[in-house]
Amino acid sequence: MADGLCRHLLKRRVLAHELFVSAALLDELANVLRSKFEEEPADVPLFGAYRDRAHMVIPEPLAAPICRDPNDDIVLATAKAAKAHVIVTGDSDLLALGKHEGIRIMSPRQFIEMFDRSR
């Protein structure tokens, strides 16, 4: 995988925060690694570190569709189950919401800028 903003975020900034994931999101990440990057998840150290470090939650389905891409509602449901403060994503459908039930939705760059301002 190429070094970029998201990798920098994972390697340098995320360790200061609690991470949460659901089985569905881990499966989606594994599928993206295979299809987009032609990498097996077991060969990507950051995938293993994330999987091992993140707290697993079991999200409940949302009462009604929220996101303009209904496949992204699992992200919102996972964040709700985790009682998260922030969702960090590059997904434009999620970013368009800005916030959901008090959970801020930020791009990696926005998160890094907020993190750096709070130091």
PDB file of N, CA and C in Angstrom:
ATOM      1  N   MET A   1       0.845  -1.187   0.000  1.00  0.00           N
ATOM      2  CA  MET A   1       0.000   0.000   0.000  1.00  0.00           C
ATOM      3  C   MET A   1       0.881   1.238   0.000  1.00  0.00           C
ATOM      4  N   ALA A   2       0.425   2.241  -0.694  1.00  0.00           N
ATOM      5  CA  ALA A   2       1.195   3.476  -0.809  1.00  0.00           C
ATOM      6  C   ALA A   2       1.116   4.283   0.489  1.00  0.00           C
ATOM      7  N   ASP A   3       2.197   5.021   0.747  1.00  0.00           N
ATOM      8  CA  ASP A   3       2.170   5.940   1.878  1.00  0.00           C
ATOM      9  C   ASP A   3       1.312   7.134   1.499  1.00  0.00           C
ATOM     10  N   GLY A   4       0.383   7.465   2.319  1.00  0.00           N
ATOM     11  CA  GLY A   4      -0.491   8.591   2.054  1.00  0.00           C
ATOM     12  C   GLY A   4      -1.055   9.100   3.365  1.00  0.00           C
ATOM     13  N   LEU A   5      -1.999   9.996   3.238  1.00  0.00           N
ATOM     14  CA  LEU A   5      -2.601  10.625   4.403  1.00  0.00           C
ATOM     15  C   LEU A   5      -3.240   9.598   5.348  1.00  0.00           C
ATOM     16  N   CYS A   6      -3.972   8.645   4.793  1.00  0.00           N
ATOM     17  CA  CYS A   6      -4.652   7.663   5.646  1.00  0.00           C
ATOM     18  C   CYS A   6      -3.655   6.772   6.378  1.00  0.00           C
ATOM     19  N   ARG A   7      -2.611   6.366   5.683  1.00  0.00           N
ATOM     20  CA  ARG A   7      -1.586   5.551   6.337  1.00  0.00           C
ATOM     21  C   ARG A   7      -0.917   6.363   7.440  1.00  0.00           C
ATOM     22  N   HIS A   8      -0.622   7.629   7.154  1.00  0.00           N
ATOM     23  CA  HIS A   8      -0.018   8.507   8.163  1.00  0.00           C
ATOM     24  C   HIS A   8      -0.950   8.615   9.374  1.00  0.00           C
ATOM     25  N   LEU A   9      -2.220   8.789   9.108  1.00  0.00           N
ATOM     26  CA  LEU A   9      -3.201   8.884  10.185  1.00  0.00           C
ATOM     27  C   LEU A   9      -3.181   7.630  11.044  1.00  0.00           C
ATOM     28  N   LEU A  10      -3.207   6.481  10.418  1.00  0.00           N
ATOM     29  CA  LEU A  10      -3.203   5.221  11.172  1.00  0.00           C
ATOM     30  C   LEU A  10      -1.919   5.028  11.964  1.00  0.00           C
ATOM     31  N   LYS A  11      -0.790   5.272  11.327  1.00  0.00           N
ATOM     32  CA  LYS A  11       0.490   4.988  11.970  1.00  0.00           C
ATOM     33  C   LYS A  11       0.846   5.990  13.065  1.00  0.00           C
ATOM     34  N   ARG A  12       0.498   7.253  12.887  1.00  0.00           N
ATOM     35  CA  ARG A  12       1.008   8.289  13.770  1.00  0.00           C
ATOM     36  C   ARG A  12      -0.015   8.911  14.728  1.00  0.00           C
ATOM     37  N   ARG A  13      -1.295   8.869  14.376  1.00  0.00           N
ATOM     38  CA  ARG A  13      -2.284   9.610  15.158  1.00  0.00           C
ATOM     39  C   ARG A  13      -3.299   8.737  15.873  1.00  0.00           C
ATOM     40  N   VAL A  14      -3.677   7.648  15.267  1.00  0.00           N
ATOM     41  CA  VAL A  14      -4.795   6.855  15.779  1.00  0.00           C
ATOM     42  C   VAL A  14      -4.484   6.176  17.109  1.00  0.00           C
ATOM     43  N   LEU A  15      -3.239   5.866  17.355  1.00  0.00           N
ATOM     44  CA  LEU A  15      -2.901   5.144  18.582  1.00  0.00           C
ATOM     45  C   LEU A  15      -3.282   5.906  19.846  1.00  0.00           C
ATOM     46  N   ALA A  16      -3.503   7.199  19.730  1.00  0.00           N
ATOM     47  CA  ALA A  16      -3.906   7.997  20.887  1.00  0.00           C
ATOM     48  C   ALA A  16      -5.413   7.892  21.162  1.00  0.00           C
ATOM     49  N   HIS A  17      -6.126   7.118  20.376  1.00  0.00           N
ATOM     50  CA  HIS A  17      -7.587   7.038  20.493  1.00  0.00           C
ATOM     51  C   HIS A  17      -8.042   5.594  20.588  1.00  0.00           C
ATOM     52  N   GLU A  18      -9.239   5.427  21.135  1.00  0.00           N
ATOM     53  CA  GLU A  18      -9.846   4.102  21.143  1.00  0.00           C
ATOM     54  C   GLU A  18     -10.452   3.853  19.774  1.00  0.00           C
ATOM     55  N   LEU A  19     -10.288   2.649  19.283  1.00  0.00           N
ATOM     56  CA  LEU A  19     -10.816   2.265  17.979  1.00  0.00           C
ATOM     57  C   LEU A  19     -11.925   1.242  18.162  1.00  0.00           C
ATOM     58  N   PHE A  20     -12.927   1.320  17.292  1.00  0.00           N
ATOM     59  CA  PHE A  20     -14.039   0.389  17.329  1.00  0.00           C
ATOM     60  C   PHE A  20     -14.305  -0.110  15.922  1.00  0.00           C
ATOM     61  N   VAL A  21     -14.805  -1.331  15.828  1.00  0.00           N
ATOM     62  CA  VAL A  21     -15.099  -1.925  14.530  1.00  0.00           C
ATOM     63  C   VAL A  21     -16.202  -2.957  14.716  1.00  0.00           C
ATOM     64  N   SER A  22     -16.846  -3.296  13.631  1.00  0.00           N
ATOM     65  CA  SER A  22     -17.805  -4.408  13.629  1.00  0.00           C
ATOM     66  C   SER A  22     -17.296  -5.443  12.634  1.00  0.00           C
ATOM     67  N   ALA A  23     -17.820  -6.632  12.721  1.00  0.00           N
ATOM     68  CA  ALA A  23     -17.410  -7.695  11.801  1.00  0.00           C
ATOM     69  C   ALA A  23     -17.671  -7.280  10.355  1.00  0.00           C
ATOM     70  N   ALA A  24     -18.801  -6.624  10.115  1.00  0.00           N
ATOM     71  CA  ALA A  24     -19.133  -6.193   8.751  1.00  0.00           C
ATOM     72  C   ALA A  24     -18.109  -5.197   8.212  1.00  0.00           C
ATOM     73  N   LEU A  25     -17.652  -4.273   9.053  1.00  0.00           N
ATOM     74  CA  LEU A  25     -16.662  -3.292   8.592  1.00  0.00           C
ATOM     75  C   LEU A  25     -15.301  -3.937   8.368  1.00  0.00           C
ATOM     76  N   LEU A  26     -14.921  -4.883   9.208  1.00  0.00           N
ATOM     77  CA  LEU A  26     -13.655  -5.598   8.972  1.00  0.00           C
ATOM     78  C   LEU A  26     -13.714  -6.383   7.667  1.00  0.00           C
ATOM     79  N   ASP A  27     -14.848  -7.015   7.401  1.00  0.00           N
ATOM     80  CA  ASP A  27     -15.013  -7.754   6.146  1.00  0.00           C
ATOM     81  C   ASP A  27     -14.915  -6.815   4.950  1.00  0.00           C
ATOM     82  N   GLU A  28     -15.539  -5.653   5.061  1.00  0.00           N
ATOM     83  CA  GLU A  28     -15.486  -4.682   3.960  1.00  0.00           C
ATOM     84  C   GLU A  28     -14.053  -4.202   3.727  1.00  0.00           C
ATOM     85  N   LEU A  29     -13.335  -3.923   4.803  1.00  0.00           N
ATOM     86  CA  LEU A  29     -11.938  -3.489   4.669  1.00  0.00           C
ATOM     87  C   LEU A  29     -11.098  -4.581   4.011  1.00  0.00           C
ATOM     88  N   ALA A  30     -11.291  -5.811   4.421  1.00  0.00           N
ATOM     89  CA  ALA A  30     -10.557  -6.932   3.815  1.00  0.00           C
ATOM     90  C   ALA A  30     -10.866  -7.035   2.322  1.00  0.00           C
ATOM     91  N   ASN A  31     -12.135  -6.867   1.964  1.00  0.00           N
ATOM     92  CA  ASN A  31     -12.522  -6.930   0.552  1.00  0.00           C
ATOM     93  C   ASN A  31     -11.905  -5.794  -0.256  1.00  0.00           C
ATOM     94  N   VAL A  32     -11.840  -4.598   0.314  1.00  0.00           N
ATOM     95  CA  VAL A  32     -11.222  -3.451  -0.374  1.00  0.00           C
ATOM     96  C   VAL A  32      -9.731  -3.700  -0.568  1.00  0.00           C
ATOM     97  N   LEU A  33      -9.081  -4.239   0.451  1.00  0.00           N
ATOM     98  CA  LEU A  33      -7.652  -4.544   0.314  1.00  0.00           C
ATOM     99  C   LEU A  33      -7.420  -5.517  -0.839  1.00  0.00           C
ATOM    100  N   ARG A  34      -8.280  -6.505  -0.942  1.00  0.00           N
ATOM    101  CA  ARG A  34      -8.125  -7.501  -2.006  1.00  0.00           C
ATOM    102  C   ARG A  34      -8.442  -6.921  -3.385  1.00  0.00           C
ATOM    103  N   SER A  35      -9.581  -6.218  -3.497  1.00  0.00           N
ATOM    104  CA  SER A  35     -10.039  -5.777  -4.817  1.00  0.00           C
ATOM    105  C   SER A  35      -9.329  -4.515  -5.314  1.00  0.00           C
ATOM    106  N   LYS A  36      -9.107  -3.566  -4.439  1.00  0.00           N
ATOM    107  CA  LYS A  36      -8.524  -2.288  -4.871  1.00  0.00           C
ATOM    108  C   LYS A  36      -6.998  -2.312  -4.848  1.00  0.00           C
ATOM    109  N   PHE A  37      -6.423  -2.955  -3.845  1.00  0.00           N
ATOM    110  CA  PHE A  37      -4.969  -2.928  -3.676  1.00  0.00           C
ATOM    111  C   PHE A  37      -4.298  -4.266  -3.989  1.00  0.00           C
ATOM    112  N   GLU A  38      -5.115  -5.287  -4.298  1.00  0.00           N
ATOM    113  CA  GLU A  38      -4.598  -6.625  -4.592  1.00  0.00           C
ATOM    114  C   GLU A  38      -3.667  -7.127  -3.485  1.00  0.00           C
ATOM    115  N   GLU A  39      -4.094  -6.895  -2.247  1.00  0.00           N
ATOM    116  CA  GLU A  39      -3.341  -7.322  -1.056  1.00  0.00           C
ATOM    117  C   GLU A  39      -4.214  -8.263  -0.243  1.00  0.00           C
ATOM    118  N   GLU A  40      -3.600  -9.283   0.297  1.00  0.00           N
ATOM    119  CA  GLU A  40      -4.295 -10.134   1.252  1.00  0.00           C
ATOM    120  C   GLU A  40      -4.213  -9.453   2.620  1.00  0.00           C
ATOM    121  N   PRO A  41      -5.313  -9.359   3.335  1.00  0.00           N
ATOM    122  CA  PRO A  41      -5.291  -8.693   4.644  1.00  0.00           C
ATOM    123  C   PRO A  41      -4.197  -9.214   5.569  1.00  0.00           C
ATOM    124  N   ALA A  42      -3.933 -10.504   5.533  1.00  0.00           N
ATOM    125  CA  ALA A  42      -2.896 -11.085   6.397  1.00  0.00           C
ATOM    126  C   ALA A  42      -1.506 -10.544   6.066  1.00  0.00           C
ATOM    127  N   ASP A  43      -1.335  -9.997   4.856  1.00  0.00           N
ATOM    128  CA  ASP A  43      -0.045  -9.454   4.433  1.00  0.00           C
ATOM    129  C   ASP A  43       0.088  -7.957   4.697  1.00  0.00           C
ATOM    130  N   VAL A  44      -0.940  -7.356   5.292  1.00  0.00           N
ATOM    131  CA  VAL A  44      -0.944  -5.913   5.558  1.00  0.00           C
ATOM    132  C   VAL A  44      -0.863  -5.713   7.072  1.00  0.00           C
ATOM    133  N   PRO A  45       0.326  -5.376   7.579  1.00  0.00           N
ATOM    134  CA  PRO A  45       0.491  -5.247   9.032  1.00  0.00           C
ATOM    135  C   PRO A  45      -0.501  -4.281   9.688  1.00  0.00           C
ATOM    136  N   LEU A  46      -0.850  -3.197   9.007  1.00  0.00           N
ATOM    137  CA  LEU A  46      -1.792  -2.244   9.609  1.00  0.00           C
ATOM    138  C   LEU A  46      -3.188  -2.843   9.766  1.00  0.00           C
ATOM    139  N   PHE A  47      -3.570  -3.726   8.850  1.00  0.00           N
ATOM    140  CA  PHE A  47      -4.861  -4.397   8.990  1.00  0.00           C
ATOM    141  C   PHE A  47      -4.874  -5.242  10.258  1.00  0.00           C
ATOM    142  N   GLY A  48      -3.824  -6.026  10.447  1.00  0.00           N
ATOM    143  CA  GLY A  48      -3.728  -6.869  11.640  1.00  0.00           C
ATOM    144  C   GLY A  48      -3.690  -6.049  12.914  1.00  0.00           C
ATOM    145  N   ALA A  49      -2.942  -4.947  12.894  1.00  0.00           N
ATOM    146  CA  ALA A  49      -2.848  -4.092  14.079  1.00  0.00           C
ATOM    147  C   ALA A  49      -4.213  -3.477  14.403  1.00  0.00           C
ATOM    148  N   TYR A  50      -4.912  -3.032  13.372  1.00  0.00           N
ATOM    149  CA  TYR A  50      -6.243  -2.449  13.565  1.00  0.00           C
ATOM    150  C   TYR A  50      -7.203  -3.494  14.111  1.00  0.00           C
ATOM    151  N   ARG A  51      -7.224  -4.665  13.480  1.00  0.00           N
ATOM    152  CA  ARG A  51      -8.125  -5.746  13.912  1.00  0.00           C
ATOM    153  C   ARG A  51      -7.853  -6.138  15.360  1.00  0.00           C
ATOM    154  N   ASP A  52      -6.570  -6.222  15.716  1.00  0.00           N
ATOM    155  CA  ASP A  52      -6.203  -6.654  17.057  1.00  0.00           C
ATOM    156  C   ASP A  52      -6.449  -5.582  18.108  1.00  0.00           C
ATOM    157  N   ARG A  53      -6.348  -4.323  17.722  1.00  0.00           N
ATOM    158  CA  ARG A  53      -6.440  -3.228  18.685  1.00  0.00           C
ATOM    159  C   ARG A  53      -7.867  -2.697  18.862  1.00  0.00           C
ATOM    160  N   ALA A  54      -8.662  -2.784  17.811  1.00  0.00           N
ATOM    161  CA  ALA A  54     -10.016  -2.219  17.850  1.00  0.00           C
ATOM    162  C   ALA A  54     -10.940  -3.070  18.716  1.00  0.00           C
ATOM    163  N   HIS A  55     -11.836  -2.393  19.402  1.00  0.00           N
ATOM    164  CA  HIS A  55     -12.873  -3.059  20.189  1.00  0.00           C
ATOM    165  C   HIS A  55     -13.992  -3.473  19.232  1.00  0.00           C
ATOM    166  N   MET A  56     -14.393  -4.724  19.310  1.00  0.00           N
ATOM    167  CA  MET A  56     -15.459  -5.230  18.447  1.00  0.00           C
ATOM    168  C   MET A  56     -16.812  -4.887  19.067  1.00  0.00           C
ATOM    169  N   VAL A  57     -17.688  -4.298  18.252  1.00  0.00           N
ATOM    170  CA  VAL A  57     -19.056  -4.016  18.691  1.00  0.00           C
ATOM    171  C   VAL A  57     -20.021  -4.706  17.743  1.00  0.00           C
ATOM    172  N   ILE A  58     -21.218  -4.923  18.236  1.00  0.00           N
ATOM    173  CA  ILE A  58     -22.260  -5.534  17.424  1.00  0.00           C
ATOM    174  C   ILE A  58     -23.338  -4.477  17.205  1.00  0.00           C
ATOM    175  N   PRO A  59     -23.353  -3.897  16.022  1.00  0.00           N
ATOM    176  CA  PRO A  59     -24.323  -2.829  15.768  1.00  0.00           C
ATOM    177  C   PRO A  59     -25.725  -3.379  15.547  1.00  0.00           C
ATOM    178  N   GLU A  60     -26.695  -2.599  15.964  1.00  0.00           N
ATOM    179  CA  GLU A  60     -28.090  -2.929  15.679  1.00  0.00           C
ATOM    180  C   GLU A  60     -28.490  -2.163  14.423  1.00  0.00           C
ATOM    181  N   PRO A  61     -29.346  -2.728  13.604  1.00  0.00           N
ATOM    182  CA  PRO A  61     -29.777  -2.012  12.392  1.00  0.00           C
ATOM    183  C   PRO A  61     -30.413  -0.674  12.765  1.00  0.00           C
ATOM    184  N   LEU A  62     -30.193   0.316  11.920  1.00  0.00           N
ATOM    185  CA  LEU A  62     -30.821   1.617  12.146  1.00  0.00           C
ATOM    186  C   LEU A  62     -32.320   1.507  11.890  1.00  0.00           C
ATOM    187  N   ALA A  63     -33.097   2.343  12.555  1.00  0.00           N
ATOM    188  CA  ALA A  63     -34.554   2.295  12.422  1.00  0.00           C
ATOM    189  C   ALA A  63     -35.000   2.622  10.998  1.00  0.00           C
ATOM    190  N   ALA A  64     -34.255   3.498  10.340  1.00  0.00           N
ATOM    191  CA  ALA A  64     -34.577   3.898   8.965  1.00  0.00           C
ATOM    192  C   ALA A  64     -33.272   4.219   8.252  1.00  0.00           C
ATOM    193  N   PRO A  65     -33.253   4.110   6.929  1.00  0.00           N
ATOM    194  CA  PRO A  65     -32.036   4.476   6.194  1.00  0.00           C
ATOM    195  C   PRO A  65     -31.675   5.947   6.451  1.00  0.00           C
ATOM    196  N   ILE A  66     -30.392   6.208   6.631  1.00  0.00           N
ATOM    197  CA  ILE A  66     -29.911   7.556   6.907  1.00  0.00           C
ATOM    198  C   ILE A  66     -29.059   8.082   5.761  1.00  0.00           C
ATOM    199  N   CYS A  67     -28.094   7.300   5.350  1.00  0.00           N
ATOM    200  CA  CYS A  67     -27.108   7.725   4.367  1.00  0.00           C
ATOM    201  C   CYS A  67     -27.679   7.601   2.959  1.00  0.00           C
ATOM    202  N   ARG A  68     -27.249   8.477   2.062  1.00  0.00           N
ATOM    203  CA  ARG A  68     -27.727   8.377   0.675  1.00  0.00           C
ATOM    204  C   ARG A  68     -27.257   7.080   0.017  1.00  0.00           C
ATOM    205  N   ASP A  69     -26.179   6.473   0.522  1.00  0.00           N
ATOM    206  CA  ASP A  69     -25.775   5.125   0.121  1.00  0.00           C
ATOM    207  C   ASP A  69     -26.137   4.209   1.284  1.00  0.00           C
ATOM    208  N   PRO A  70     -27.211   3.442   1.165  1.00  0.00           N
ATOM    209  CA  PRO A  70     -27.665   2.615   2.292  1.00  0.00           C
ATOM    210  C   PRO A  70     -26.621   1.616   2.793  1.00  0.00           C
ATOM    211  N   ASN A  71     -25.656   1.269   1.954  1.00  0.00           N
ATOM    212  CA  ASN A  71     -24.588   0.361   2.393  1.00  0.00           C
ATOM    213  C   ASN A  71     -23.705   1.008   3.455  1.00  0.00           C
ATOM    214  N   ASP A  72     -23.720   2.330   3.549  1.00  0.00           N
ATOM    215  CA  ASP A  72     -22.904   3.025   4.537  1.00  0.00           C
ATOM    216  C   ASP A  72     -23.579   3.136   5.902  1.00  0.00           C
ATOM    217  N   ASP A  73     -24.832   2.761   5.993  1.00  0.00           N
ATOM    218  CA  ASP A  73     -25.526   2.838   7.282  1.00  0.00           C
ATOM    219  C   ASP A  73     -24.860   1.952   8.335  1.00  0.00           C
ATOM    220  N   ILE A  74     -24.171   0.894   7.913  1.00  0.00           N
ATOM    221  CA  ILE A  74     -23.471   0.033   8.874  1.00  0.00           C
ATOM    222  C   ILE A  74     -22.371   0.815   9.597  1.00  0.00           C
ATOM    223  N   VAL A  75     -21.777   1.773   8.942  1.00  0.00           N
ATOM    224  CA  VAL A  75     -20.760   2.617   9.595  1.00  0.00           C
ATOM    225  C   VAL A  75     -21.416   3.428  10.706  1.00  0.00           C
ATOM    226  N   LEU A  76     -22.568   4.016  10.405  1.00  0.00           N
ATOM    227  CA  LEU A  76     -23.289   4.805  11.407  1.00  0.00           C
ATOM    228  C   LEU A  76     -23.751   3.910  12.563  1.00  0.00           C
ATOM    229  N   ALA A  77     -24.256   2.728  12.244  1.00  0.00           N
ATOM    230  CA  ALA A  77     -24.723   1.804  13.281  1.00  0.00           C
ATOM    231  C   ALA A  77     -23.568   1.333  14.158  1.00  0.00           C
ATOM    232  N   THR A  78     -22.408   1.092  13.545  1.00  0.00           N
ATOM    233  CA  THR A  78     -21.234   0.673  14.318  1.00  0.00           C
ATOM    234  C   THR A  78     -20.793   1.796  15.247  1.00  0.00           C
ATOM    235  N   ALA A  79     -20.739   3.019  14.738  1.00  0.00           N
ATOM    236  CA  ALA A  79     -20.343   4.165  15.561  1.00  0.00           C
ATOM    237  C   ALA A  79     -21.327   4.373  16.707  1.00  0.00           C
ATOM    238  N   LYS A  80     -22.600   4.208  16.429  1.00  0.00           N
ATOM    239  CA  LYS A  80     -23.612   4.351  17.483  1.00  0.00           C
ATOM    240  C   LYS A  80     -23.424   3.281  18.550  1.00  0.00           C
ATOM    241  N   ALA A  81     -23.204   2.044  18.138  1.00  0.00           N
ATOM    242  CA  ALA A  81     -23.001   0.953  19.103  1.00  0.00           C
ATOM    243  C   ALA A  81     -21.754   1.191  19.948  1.00  0.00           C
ATOM    244  N   ALA A  82     -20.750   1.836  19.349  1.00  0.00           N
ATOM    245  CA  ALA A  82     -19.488   2.112  20.047  1.00  0.00           C
ATOM    246  C   ALA A  82     -19.569   3.358  20.918  1.00  0.00           C
ATOM    247  N   LYS A  83     -20.663   4.104  20.787  1.00  0.00           N
ATOM    248  CA  LYS A  83     -20.777   5.405  21.468  1.00  0.00           C
ATOM    249  C   LYS A  83     -19.591   6.291  21.084  1.00  0.00           C
ATOM    250  N   ALA A  84     -19.291   6.263  19.785  1.00  0.00           N
ATOM    251  CA  ALA A  84     -18.151   7.007  19.240  1.00  0.00           C
ATOM    252  C   ALA A  84     -18.395   8.513  19.277  1.00  0.00           C
ATOM    253  N   HIS A  85     -17.303   9.240  19.280  1.00  0.00           N
ATOM    254  CA  HIS A  85     -17.359  10.699  19.195  1.00  0.00           C
ATOM    255  C   HIS A  85     -17.137  11.170  17.761  1.00  0.00           C
ATOM    256  N   VAL A  86     -16.351  10.383  17.000  1.00  0.00           N
ATOM    257  CA  VAL A  86     -15.963  10.782  15.641  1.00  0.00           C
ATOM    258  C   VAL A  86     -15.917   9.557  14.735  1.00  0.00           C
ATOM    259  N   ILE A  87     -16.379   9.734  13.507  1.00  0.00           N
ATOM    260  CA  ILE A  87     -16.151   8.790  12.422  1.00  0.00           C
ATOM    261  C   ILE A  87     -15.159   9.461  11.491  1.00  0.00           C
ATOM    262  N   VAL A  88     -14.057   8.784  11.187  1.00  0.00           N
ATOM    263  CA  VAL A  88     -13.073   9.315  10.239  1.00  0.00           C
ATOM    264  C   VAL A  88     -13.204   8.501   8.966  1.00  0.00           C
ATOM    265  N   THR A  89     -13.509   9.182   7.856  1.00  0.00           N
ATOM    266  CA  THR A  89     -13.786   8.493   6.603  1.00  0.00           C
ATOM    267  C   THR A  89     -13.458   9.376   5.410  1.00  0.00           C
ATOM    268  N   GLY A  90     -13.204   8.739   4.304  1.00  0.00           N
ATOM    269  CA  GLY A  90     -13.048   9.454   3.045  1.00  0.00           C
ATOM    270  C   GLY A  90     -14.293   9.301   2.179  1.00  0.00           C
ATOM    271  N   ASP A  91     -15.305   8.632   2.686  1.00  0.00           N
ATOM    272  CA  ASP A  91     -16.528   8.351   1.941  1.00  0.00           C
ATOM    273  C   ASP A  91     -17.387   9.616   1.841  1.00  0.00           C
ATOM    274  N   SER A  92     -17.609  10.074   0.623  1.00  0.00           N
ATOM    275  CA  SER A  92     -18.343  11.341   0.424  1.00  0.00           C
ATOM    276  C   SER A  92     -19.792  11.254   0.884  1.00  0.00           C
ATOM    277  N   ASP A  93     -20.404  10.070   0.795  1.00  0.00           N
ATOM    278  CA  ASP A  93     -21.787   9.935   1.248  1.00  0.00           C
ATOM    279  C   ASP A  93     -21.902  10.117   2.754  1.00  0.00           C
ATOM    280  N   LEU A  94     -20.929   9.616   3.495  1.00  0.00           N
ATOM    281  CA  LEU A  94     -20.920   9.814   4.951  1.00  0.00           C
ATOM    282  C   LEU A  94     -20.519  11.243   5.297  1.00  0.00           C
ATOM    283  N   LEU A  95     -19.504  11.762   4.619  1.00  0.00           N
ATOM    284  CA  LEU A  95     -19.046  13.132   4.900  1.00  0.00           C
ATOM    285  C   LEU A  95     -20.149  14.160   4.661  1.00  0.00           C
ATOM    286  N   ALA A  96     -21.032  13.889   3.711  1.00  0.00           N
ATOM    287  CA  ALA A  96     -22.128  14.814   3.416  1.00  0.00           C
ATOM    288  C   ALA A  96     -23.057  14.992   4.620  1.00  0.00           C
ATOM    289  N   LEU A  97     -23.109  13.991   5.489  1.00  0.00           N
ATOM    290  CA  LEU A  97     -23.951  14.095   6.687  1.00  0.00           C
ATOM    291  C   LEU A  97     -23.367  15.070   7.706  1.00  0.00           C
ATOM    292  N   GLY A  98     -22.041  15.101   7.828  1.00  0.00           N
ATOM    293  CA  GLY A  98     -21.384  15.994   8.790  1.00  0.00           C
ATOM    294  C   GLY A  98     -21.466  15.525  10.232  1.00  0.00           C
ATOM    295  N   LYS A  99     -22.616  14.997  10.607  1.00  0.00           N
ATOM    296  CA  LYS A  99     -22.839  14.546  11.977  1.00  0.00           C
ATOM    297  C   LYS A  99     -24.038  13.614  11.975  1.00  0.00           C
ATOM    298  N   HIS A 100     -24.012  12.643  12.880  1.00  0.00           N
ATOM    299  CA  HIS A 100     -25.160  11.751  13.036  1.00  0.00           C
ATOM    300  C   HIS A 100     -25.299  11.424  14.513  1.00  0.00           C
ATOM    301  N   GLU A 101     -26.450  11.762  15.072  1.00  0.00           N
ATOM    302  CA  GLU A 101     -26.732  11.519  16.491  1.00  0.00           C
ATOM    303  C   GLU A 101     -25.580  11.974  17.384  1.00  0.00           C
ATOM    304  N   GLY A 102     -25.057  13.150  17.089  1.00  0.00           N
ATOM    305  CA  GLY A 102     -23.996  13.740  17.904  1.00  0.00           C
ATOM    306  C   GLY A 102     -22.599  13.242  17.572  1.00  0.00           C
ATOM    307  N   ILE A 103     -22.467  12.313  16.635  1.00  0.00           N
ATOM    308  CA  ILE A 103     -21.167  11.778  16.237  1.00  0.00           C
ATOM    309  C   ILE A 103     -20.666  12.579  15.042  1.00  0.00           C
ATOM    310  N   ARG A 104     -19.529  13.244  15.196  1.00  0.00           N
ATOM    311  CA  ARG A 104     -18.960  14.016  14.098  1.00  0.00           C
ATOM    312  C   ARG A 104     -18.428  13.075  13.023  1.00  0.00           C
ATOM    313  N   ILE A 105     -18.596  13.484  11.770  1.00  0.00           N
ATOM    314  CA  ILE A 105     -18.090  12.712  10.636  1.00  0.00           C
ATOM    315  C   ILE A 105     -17.082  13.595   9.923  1.00  0.00           C
ATOM    316  N   MET A 106     -15.814  13.147   9.920  1.00  0.00           N
ATOM    317  CA  MET A 106     -14.717  13.975   9.433  1.00  0.00           C
ATOM    318  C   MET A 106     -13.850  13.220   8.435  1.00  0.00           C
ATOM    319  N   SER A 107     -13.244  13.976   7.535  1.00  0.00           N
ATOM    320  CA  SER A 107     -12.255  13.389   6.634  1.00  0.00           C
ATOM    321  C   SER A 107     -10.965  13.160   7.424  1.00  0.00           C
ATOM    322  N   PRO A 108     -10.073  12.319   6.920  1.00  0.00           N
ATOM    323  CA  PRO A 108      -8.789  12.146   7.605  1.00  0.00           C
ATOM    324  C   PRO A 108      -8.055  13.478   7.813  1.00  0.00           C
ATOM    325  N   ARG A 109      -8.059  14.343   6.799  1.00  0.00           N
ATOM    326  CA  ARG A 109      -7.385  15.638   6.926  1.00  0.00           C
ATOM    327  C   ARG A 109      -8.022  16.485   8.029  1.00  0.00           C
ATOM    328  N   GLN A 110      -9.339  16.533   8.077  1.00  0.00           N
ATOM    329  CA  GLN A 110     -10.028  17.291   9.126  1.00  0.00           C
ATOM    330  C   GLN A 110      -9.671  16.741  10.500  1.00  0.00           C
ATOM    331  N   PHE A 111      -9.618  15.427  10.615  1.00  0.00           N
ATOM    332  CA  PHE A 111      -9.293  14.819  11.905  1.00  0.00           C
ATOM    333  C   PHE A 111      -7.873  15.173  12.330  1.00  0.00           C
ATOM    334  N   ILE A 112      -6.934  15.083  11.399  1.00  0.00           N
ATOM    335  CA  ILE A 112      -5.544  15.431  11.719  1.00  0.00           C
ATOM    336  C   ILE A 112      -5.447  16.888  12.151  1.00  0.00           C
ATOM    337  N   GLU A 113      -6.126  17.776  11.433  1.00  0.00           N
ATOM    338  CA  GLU A 113      -6.093  19.203  11.788  1.00  0.00           C
ATOM    339  C   GLU A 113      -6.690  19.432  13.175  1.00  0.00           C
ATOM    340  N   MET A 114      -7.805  18.768  13.473  1.00  0.00           N
ATOM    341  CA  MET A 114      -8.414  18.906  14.801  1.00  0.00           C
ATOM    342  C   MET A 114      -7.485  18.351  15.872  1.00  0.00           C
ATOM    343  N   PHE A 115      -6.885  17.210  15.603  1.00  0.00           N
ATOM    344  CA  PHE A 115      -5.969  16.572  16.537  1.00  0.00           C
ATOM    345  C   PHE A 115      -4.759  17.483  16.813  1.00  0.00           C
ATOM    346  N   ASP A 116      -4.219  18.060  15.756  1.00  0.00           N
ATOM    347  CA  ASP A 116      -3.041  18.936  15.910  1.00  0.00           C
ATOM    348  C   ASP A 116      -3.391  20.212  16.670  1.00  0.00           C
ATOM    349  N   ARG A 117      -4.602  20.752  16.462  1.00  0.00           N
ATOM    350  CA  ARG A 117      -5.009  21.965  17.186  1.00  0.00           C
ATOM    351  C   ARG A 117      -5.182  21.702  18.676  1.00  0.00           C
ATOM    352  N   SER A 118      -5.563  20.474  19.018  1.00  0.00           N
ATOM    353  CA  SER A 118      -5.826  20.175  20.436  1.00  0.00           C
ATOM    354  C   SER A 118      -4.573  19.845  21.216  1.00  0.00           C
ATOM    355  N   ARG A 119      -3.433  19.776  20.570  1.00  0.00           N
ATOM    356  CA  ARG A 119      -2.175  19.435  21.253  1.00  0.00           C
ATOM    357  C   ARG A 119      -1.604  20.640  21.929  1.00  0.00           C
TER     358      ARG A 119
END
